[in-house]
């Protein structure tokens, strides 16, 4: 689960496993696998980092792979 903020400032928590796409239109829009869309205040890069940390915390993303991605940036 990751904590995000709606455009109106209200925080909410979303299950990162169900995220299908993250796009900037320029607002960051998250589309879930059930086609629900959420527009959030966080930048696209922030959401990606939160998702990667979540995956790592539940052992879906190994530590080495996460470190390799940080080195590329």
Protein backbone atom coordinates (compact mmCIF):
# COMPACT_ATOMS: atom_id res chain seq x y z
CA UNK A 1 0.00 0.00 0.00
CA UNK A 2 1.22 3.50 -0.77
CA UNK A 3 -0.05 6.82 0.59
CA UNK A 4 -0.89 9.49 -1.99
CA UNK A 5 -2.66 12.85 -2.05
CA UNK A 6 -5.68 13.81 -4.16
CA UNK A 7 -5.64 17.19 -5.89
CA UNK A 8 -7.98 18.56 -3.18
CA UNK A 9 -5.33 17.74 -0.55
CA UNK A 10 -7.07 14.71 0.93
CA UNK A 11 -4.67 11.79 1.53
CA UNK A 12 -5.61 8.23 0.57
CA UNK A 13 -3.96 4.83 0.39
CA UNK A 14 -3.88 2.68 -2.71
CA UNK A 15 -2.73 -0.90 -3.26
CA UNK A 16 0.27 -0.55 -5.56
CA UNK A 17 -0.13 -4.09 -6.89
CA UNK A 18 -3.19 -2.96 -8.88
CA UNK A 19 -1.47 -0.04 -10.62
CA UNK A 20 -1.38 -0.57 -14.37
CA UNK A 21 -0.15 2.83 -15.61
CA UNK A 22 1.21 6.09 -14.22
CA UNK A 23 1.02 9.09 -16.56
CA UNK A 24 1.41 12.87 -16.42
CA UNK A 25 -1.20 14.93 -18.27
CA UNK A 26 0.39 17.28 -16.64
CA UNK A 27 -1.27 16.07 -13.42
CA UNK A 28 -0.18 12.59 -12.40
CA UNK A 29 -2.90 10.08 -13.27
CA UNK A 30 -2.83 6.53 -11.98
CA UNK A 31 -4.88 3.86 -13.75
CA UNK A 32 -5.63 0.63 -11.94
CA UNK A 33 -6.16 -2.79 -13.49
CA UNK A 34 -9.93 -2.34 -13.01
CA UNK A 35 -9.74 0.87 -15.14
CA UNK A 36 -10.37 3.23 -12.18
CA UNK A 37 -8.33 6.43 -12.44
CA UNK A 38 -6.90 8.59 -9.69
CA UNK A 39 -5.34 12.03 -10.13
CA UNK A 40 -2.75 12.81 -7.48
CA UNK A 41 -0.53 15.71 -6.40
CA UNK A 42 2.67 13.66 -6.36
CA UNK A 43 4.92 13.75 -9.40
CA UNK A 44 5.18 10.66 -11.60
CA UNK A 45 8.72 9.97 -10.38
CA UNK A 46 7.61 10.11 -6.72
CA UNK A 47 4.84 7.59 -7.35
CA UNK A 48 7.27 5.26 -9.11
CA UNK A 49 9.67 5.45 -6.15
CA UNK A 50 6.83 4.70 -3.70
CA UNK A 51 5.74 1.71 -5.80
CA UNK A 52 9.31 0.38 -5.99
CA UNK A 53 9.72 0.71 -2.20
CA UNK A 54 6.41 -1.08 -1.69
CA UNK A 55 7.42 -3.92 -4.02
CA UNK A 56 10.71 -4.23 -2.17
CA UNK A 57 8.96 -4.31 1.22
CA UNK A 58 6.83 -7.29 0.12
CA UNK A 59 9.78 -8.95 -1.64
CA UNK A 60 8.38 -8.58 -5.15
CA UNK A 61 11.40 -6.50 -6.17
CA UNK A 62 14.84 -7.56 -5.09
CA UNK A 63 17.27 -5.13 -3.47
CA UNK A 64 19.81 -5.51 -6.29
CA UNK A 65 17.29 -4.60 -8.99
CA UNK A 66 16.22 -1.50 -7.04
CA UNK A 67 19.85 -0.38 -6.62
CA UNK A 68 20.51 -0.90 -10.36
CA UNK A 69 17.53 1.34 -11.22
CA UNK A 70 18.84 4.11 -8.92
CA UNK A 71 22.28 3.91 -10.57
CA UNK A 72 20.75 4.46 -14.02
CA UNK A 73 19.12 7.74 -12.93
